Amino acid sequence: MTIAEATVKRLLELCSERNITINKISISGITQSTVSDIVNGTTTNTGIVTIKKLCDGFDISVRAFFDSPLFDDLEQEVR
């Protein structure tokens, strides 16, 4: 799994845990189009500032975002 795929899965996982739709994430100061681009795979390099804003929207730390088995065995990105 790539970091982009793991990020999308983690976002969907957090939405599911909180019983909110992906559209509700945009309350974190990120536009709906940006959230859609991340989830749809149009954006494959989500920056840490964007991750931090998403975390703020979920009311979690960046550490908590990445504290998931999804990020344990990522594919090598540099080849």
N, C-alpha and C. Protein backbone atom coordinates (compact mmCIF):
# COMPACT_ATOMS: atom_id res chain seq x y z
N MET A 1 0.84 -1.17 0.00
CA MET A 1 0.00 0.00 0.00
C MET A 1 0.89 1.24 0.00
N THR A 2 0.49 2.25 -0.74
CA THR A 2 1.25 3.51 -0.78
C THR A 2 0.79 4.41 0.37
N ILE A 3 1.57 5.45 0.63
CA ILE A 3 1.20 6.40 1.67
C ILE A 3 -0.11 7.11 1.31
N ALA A 4 -0.33 7.39 0.03
CA ALA A 4 -1.57 8.03 -0.41
C ALA A 4 -2.77 7.13 -0.13
N GLU A 5 -2.63 5.85 -0.45
CA GLU A 5 -3.73 4.90 -0.20
C GLU A 5 -3.98 4.76 1.30
N ALA A 6 -2.93 4.70 2.09
CA ALA A 6 -3.09 4.58 3.54
C ALA A 6 -3.75 5.83 4.11
N THR A 7 -3.40 6.98 3.58
CA THR A 7 -4.00 8.24 4.06
C THR A 7 -5.49 8.26 3.78
N VAL A 8 -5.89 7.86 2.59
CA VAL A 8 -7.31 7.82 2.24
C VAL A 8 -8.05 6.84 3.15
N LYS A 9 -7.49 5.65 3.32
CA LYS A 9 -8.13 4.65 4.18
C LYS A 9 -8.26 5.16 5.61
N ARG A 10 -7.23 5.86 6.09
CA ARG A 10 -7.28 6.40 7.46
C ARG A 10 -8.36 7.47 7.57
N LEU A 11 -8.48 8.35 6.57
CA LEU A 11 -9.53 9.36 6.58
C LEU A 11 -10.91 8.72 6.63
N LEU A 12 -11.11 7.72 5.80
CA LEU A 12 -12.41 7.03 5.77
C LEU A 12 -12.68 6.30 7.08
N GLU A 13 -11.63 5.73 7.65
CA GLU A 13 -11.73 5.05 8.93
C GLU A 13 -12.15 6.03 10.04
N LEU A 14 -11.52 7.19 10.07
CA LEU A 14 -11.87 8.20 11.07
C LEU A 14 -13.29 8.72 10.89
N CYS A 15 -13.70 8.89 9.65
CA CYS A 15 -15.08 9.31 9.38
C CYS A 15 -16.06 8.26 9.89
N SER A 16 -15.77 7.02 9.60
CA SER A 16 -16.64 5.92 10.04
C SER A 16 -16.72 5.85 11.56
N GLU A 17 -15.57 5.98 12.22
CA GLU A 17 -15.56 5.94 13.68
C GLU A 17 -16.40 7.06 14.30
N ARG A 18 -16.45 8.20 13.61
CA ARG A 18 -17.17 9.36 14.14
C ARG A 18 -18.56 9.51 13.52
N ASN A 19 -18.90 8.57 12.64
CA ASN A 19 -20.21 8.58 11.98
C ASN A 19 -20.46 9.90 11.25
N ILE A 20 -19.44 10.35 10.50
CA ILE A 20 -19.59 11.55 9.68
C ILE A 20 -19.22 11.20 8.24
N THR A 21 -19.71 12.02 7.33
CA THR A 21 -19.38 11.81 5.93
C THR A 21 -18.07 12.51 5.60
N ILE A 22 -17.49 12.12 4.51
CA ILE A 22 -16.25 12.74 4.05
C ILE A 22 -16.47 14.22 3.79
N ASN A 23 -17.68 14.61 3.43
CA ASN A 23 -17.99 16.01 3.17
C ASN A 23 -17.88 16.87 4.43
N LYS A 24 -18.10 16.29 5.58
CA LYS A 24 -18.02 17.03 6.84
C LYS A 24 -16.60 17.40 7.20
N ILE A 25 -15.61 16.74 6.63
CA ILE A 25 -14.22 17.04 6.96
C ILE A 25 -13.86 18.45 6.55
N SER A 26 -14.54 18.99 5.55
CA SER A 26 -14.18 20.31 5.05
C SER A 26 -14.37 21.40 6.11
N ILE A 27 -15.00 21.08 7.24
CA ILE A 27 -15.12 22.06 8.31
C ILE A 27 -13.77 22.36 8.95
N SER A 28 -12.77 21.58 8.62
CA SER A 28 -11.44 21.76 9.20
C SER A 28 -10.64 22.85 8.50
N GLY A 29 -11.25 23.60 7.59
CA GLY A 29 -10.54 24.66 6.89
C GLY A 29 -9.97 24.22 5.56
N ILE A 30 -10.31 23.04 5.15
CA ILE A 30 -9.87 22.51 3.85
C ILE A 30 -11.09 22.51 2.94
N THR A 31 -10.90 22.95 1.72
CA THR A 31 -12.03 23.00 0.81
C THR A 31 -12.54 21.60 0.49
N GLN A 32 -13.80 21.53 0.14
CA GLN A 32 -14.41 20.26 -0.22
C GLN A 32 -13.71 19.65 -1.43
N SER A 33 -13.29 20.50 -2.36
CA SER A 33 -12.62 19.97 -3.55
C SER A 33 -11.28 19.33 -3.19
N THR A 34 -10.57 19.90 -2.23
CA THR A 34 -9.30 19.31 -1.80
C THR A 34 -9.53 17.96 -1.14
N VAL A 35 -10.53 17.89 -0.27
CA VAL A 35 -10.86 16.62 0.38
C VAL A 35 -11.25 15.58 -0.67
N SER A 36 -12.06 15.98 -1.63
CA SER A 36 -12.47 15.07 -2.71
C SER A 36 -11.27 14.60 -3.52
N ASP A 37 -10.35 15.51 -3.82
CA ASP A 37 -9.16 15.14 -4.58
C ASP A 37 -8.32 14.12 -3.83
N ILE A 38 -8.21 14.27 -2.52
CA ILE A 38 -7.45 13.32 -1.71
C ILE A 38 -8.12 11.95 -1.75
N VAL A 39 -9.41 11.94 -1.47
CA VAL A 39 -10.15 10.68 -1.37
C VAL A 39 -10.25 9.98 -2.73
N ASN A 40 -10.40 10.75 -3.79
CA ASN A 40 -10.53 10.16 -5.13
C ASN A 40 -9.20 9.80 -5.76
N GLY A 41 -8.10 10.14 -5.10
CA GLY A 41 -6.79 9.80 -5.62
C GLY A 41 -6.22 10.78 -6.62
N THR A 42 -6.90 11.89 -6.84
CA THR A 42 -6.39 12.92 -7.74
C THR A 42 -5.13 13.55 -7.15
N THR A 43 -5.16 13.76 -5.83
CA THR A 43 -3.99 14.24 -5.11
C THR A 43 -3.34 13.04 -4.44
N THR A 44 -2.10 12.77 -4.80
CA THR A 44 -1.42 11.61 -4.23
C THR A 44 -0.28 12.00 -3.29
N ASN A 45 -0.11 13.30 -3.09
CA ASN A 45 0.97 13.77 -2.23
C ASN A 45 0.40 14.80 -1.25
N THR A 46 -0.40 14.34 -0.32
CA THR A 46 -1.03 15.23 0.65
C THR A 46 0.03 15.75 1.62
N GLY A 47 0.14 17.06 1.70
CA GLY A 47 1.16 17.68 2.55
C GLY A 47 0.83 17.58 4.02
N ILE A 48 1.84 17.75 4.85
CA ILE A 48 1.67 17.64 6.29
C ILE A 48 0.79 18.76 6.83
N VAL A 49 0.81 19.93 6.20
CA VAL A 49 -0.07 21.03 6.65
C VAL A 49 -1.53 20.63 6.45
N THR A 50 -1.81 20.00 5.33
CA THR A 50 -3.17 19.52 5.07
C THR A 50 -3.55 18.42 6.05
N ILE A 51 -2.62 17.50 6.31
CA ILE A 51 -2.88 16.45 7.30
C ILE A 51 -3.18 17.07 8.66
N LYS A 52 -2.41 18.09 9.04
CA LYS A 52 -2.63 18.76 10.33
C LYS A 52 -4.00 19.39 10.38
N LYS A 53 -4.44 20.03 9.31
CA LYS A 53 -5.78 20.63 9.28
C LYS A 53 -6.85 19.55 9.39
N LEU A 54 -6.64 18.43 8.70
CA LEU A 54 -7.59 17.32 8.82
C LEU A 54 -7.65 16.82 10.26
N CYS A 55 -6.49 16.70 10.87
CA CYS A 55 -6.43 16.26 12.27
C CYS A 55 -7.17 17.24 13.18
N ASP A 56 -6.99 18.52 12.93
CA ASP A 56 -7.72 19.53 13.71
C ASP A 56 -9.22 19.34 13.56
N GLY A 57 -9.66 19.04 12.34
CA GLY A 57 -11.08 18.79 12.10
C GLY A 57 -11.60 17.56 12.84
N PHE A 58 -10.76 16.56 12.97
CA PHE A 58 -11.12 15.35 13.70
C PHE A 58 -10.85 15.49 15.20
N ASP A 59 -10.20 16.59 15.58
CA ASP A 59 -9.82 16.84 16.97
C ASP A 59 -8.88 15.74 17.49
N ILE A 60 -7.88 15.43 16.65
CA ILE A 60 -6.85 14.45 17.03
C ILE A 60 -5.49 15.05 16.71
N SER A 61 -4.45 14.46 17.26
CA SER A 61 -3.09 14.91 16.95
C SER A 61 -2.61 14.24 15.66
N VAL A 62 -1.57 14.80 15.10
CA VAL A 62 -0.95 14.20 13.92
C VAL A 62 -0.43 12.81 14.29
N ARG A 63 0.11 12.69 15.49
CA ARG A 63 0.59 11.39 15.97
C ARG A 63 -0.55 10.37 15.97
N ALA A 64 -1.72 10.78 16.44
CA ALA A 64 -2.87 9.87 16.47
C ALA A 64 -3.31 9.48 15.06
N PHE A 65 -3.19 10.41 14.11
CA PHE A 65 -3.56 10.11 12.74
C PHE A 65 -2.70 8.96 12.19
N PHE A 66 -1.40 9.06 12.41
CA PHE A 66 -0.49 8.07 11.86
C PHE A 66 -0.33 6.83 12.75
N ASP A 67 -0.96 6.84 13.91
CA ASP A 67 -0.90 5.69 14.82
C ASP A 67 -1.94 4.66 14.41
N SER A 68 -1.68 4.02 13.29
CA SER A 68 -2.60 3.05 12.71
C SER A 68 -1.78 1.99 11.99
N PRO A 69 -2.22 0.75 12.04
CA PRO A 69 -1.52 -0.32 11.31
C PRO A 69 -1.43 -0.06 9.80
N LEU A 70 -2.28 0.82 9.30
CA LEU A 70 -2.24 1.14 7.87
C LEU A 70 -0.88 1.68 7.44
N PHE A 71 -0.19 2.31 8.37
CA PHE A 71 1.09 2.94 8.03
C PHE A 71 2.29 2.07 8.39
N ASP A 72 2.05 0.85 8.83
CA ASP A 72 3.14 -0.02 9.26
C ASP A 72 3.97 -0.60 8.11
N ASP A 73 3.34 -1.03 7.05
CA ASP A 73 4.05 -1.72 5.97
C ASP A 73 3.79 -1.04 4.63
N LEU A 74 4.26 0.18 4.49
CA LEU A 74 4.05 0.93 3.26
C LEU A 74 5.06 0.51 2.20
N GLU A 75 4.64 0.64 0.94
CA GLU A 75 5.54 0.35 -0.17
C GLU A 75 6.66 1.39 -0.21
N GLN A 76 7.79 0.99 -0.74
CA GLN A 76 8.89 1.92 -0.94
C GLN A 76 8.47 2.93 -2.01
N GLU A 77 8.51 4.22 -1.70
CA GLU A 77 8.08 5.25 -2.64
C GLU A 77 9.18 5.65 -3.61
N VAL A 78 10.43 5.57 -3.19
CA VAL A 78 11.55 5.94 -4.04
C VAL A 78 12.12 4.67 -4.66
N ARG A 79 12.24 4.67 -5.95
CA ARG A 79 12.73 3.48 -6.64
C ARG A 79 13.95 3.80 -7.47
